[in-house]
Amino acid sequence: MLGEMVFVLTAIILLKEWVFPWLIWQWFPIGDDAARMLEWMVMMVAVVTCYAYAGFGSISAHVYGQSTSNSMVMWGLLHLPVLVSLTPLNVPLLNEVTHTWYGLIGDGLRLFIPKLPPESGIIPLIALLFFWAGRAIKVSEGNVEKQQQRQGRAAS
């Protein structure tokens, strides 16, 4: 599960930091349009990140069957660079990872709360709350036989 979480967050970071800005730069040469698109992109990345955390919580509970304590340990392991950066240690790579991670949700929040510090403690709390709330969400396919019957009737 930890690998899935790292993969998804890394993909979101790559999209936010490189792919989307490059596409915006290519498609919107006028500064005002580009700025507007970057704002929308930042908001969408924050929303997608929150959904991803809810999904992480859901799969930890309903796919992997982890207890709440095990899930919180996994969450802590994933966020170890963020937690280490809160200590007096100064590791440049960890600081960069932490700053980038804070931007996933924090940049979107700062559009609405400009005085929010760049690395506010509320960001990990928001991520944890979405993760924890996601544990209550169970996504199921429903009754497959009923779906097949409906599709069979629709085809007739």
Foldseek 3Di string as FASTA:
>chain_A
DLVVLVVVLVVLLCCLPPVVLVVLVVPPVDPVSSVVSNLVSLQVLLVVLLVVLLVLLQCVCPVVNHDPVVSVVSLCVSCVLLVVVVDPDDDPVSVVVNLSSLSSNVVNVCVVVVVQDSNDPVSSVSSVVSNNNSNPDYDDPPDPVVVVVVVVVVVD
